[in-house]
Amino acid sequence: MHPRSTPVTSRRTLLAAALAAVPATALLGACGDGDAQQTVGADGKKGAGFNVSPRQHRIRGTKADAIAAKVPQAIRRRGTLRVGGSAGASPPLGFYATDDTTRIGVEIDLATLVADTLGLKIAFDAVSWENLFVGLDSSKFDAVFSNVTVTEERKQKYDFATYRLDNLAFEAKKGTSWRVKGPRDVAGRTISVSSGTNQEKILVDWSKENQKAGREPVDITYFQKDTDYYLALQSGRIDAYLGPHPTAAYHVASAGQTQIIGTLSGGGDLVQGKIAATTRKGSGLVDAYAAAIDHIIQDGSYARVLKRWGLSSEAVKKSEVNPRGLATL
């Protein structure tokens, strides 16, 4: 899975789109330890919030000599880890801070921790989704941290070290008592999904399953922008939106107008989808990435980063190298 495609006009436009659903009355505070911030609304009540300023105070790690030794000598001599990430605005994965320049999000935080553990300075470059893989193929990037799902097809060209679960979420208007656990729960419902994604494929398959069982199909609708389906939820034109869990969880926590009514694996019922650090096959880096990820899991910094961005439910217990992946997207 990869983030929804977003027309790129300028960094300021991307930031505006990323934050459009957050109430204008919300004031985002700052905190020196890099943990989750507090959002203060007009009513004076405090709730979960996120630091979207350029002053991130990132959670940092320290070099682990035995793990750093796994890095190929040429990269150790260079002293930098060249990491690619998507330039799209997809909070809390990767997006621009309020200065319109600083790249922030959970992917950048985790990549930085891995680089710290390997004793390398991170050199982060935000490019279009397709150019992430071009960058790996050309050795421009040593790694990609950009919500890349492990698939069987991708494993033919790339190596993976997992660091997060790939989950999807049904997001509905706040206060609804409806819950989604399987196909029968969406029969006859109007649900929005992004075209060309694996979540669309899952929803289409569920609709066919419902029809085969004599139930109503799903009324699947499509919108071009996040703000469009948020407005559709509030007006009752759709019952729910099915999309990546991280973006749904971020919107629920920051806007306070919706709720998650069901989650499932990005691989549906067939396999638990997993997000991974991605490197060119044969680069000699995948074992170093897996060991570094295991290290930050064990020292607790990994859990702090996920908590900071509201993604604790997507934590893995250990990093896996090239596990079973999704058959197709």
Foldseek 3Di string as FASTA:
>chain_A
DADFDDDDDAQVVQVCQLCVLFDPQWDWDDDQCQFFTWTAGPVRDIFTHAQQALPRNADEDAEDVVLLVLADPVCVVVQEAEEEEAAGRFPQQWGHGPVSPHIHHLLVRLVRRLCRHNRGHYDYDHDHPVVNVVCQVVVVHQWYRYQDWQAPVVVVWKKWWFWWWWKKFKKAFPPDPQADDALVSQFPFEEEEAPPALQVVRLQVSQVVQVVVVTHGHNYDYDDGPVVVVVCRVVVVGGTYMDTPLRSQNSCRRNVGMDTRYMDASQHPPDTITGTIIHTPPSSCNVSSQVSSQVCLVVVSSCSSCSRSVRNVTGDNGIDMNDHGRHHD
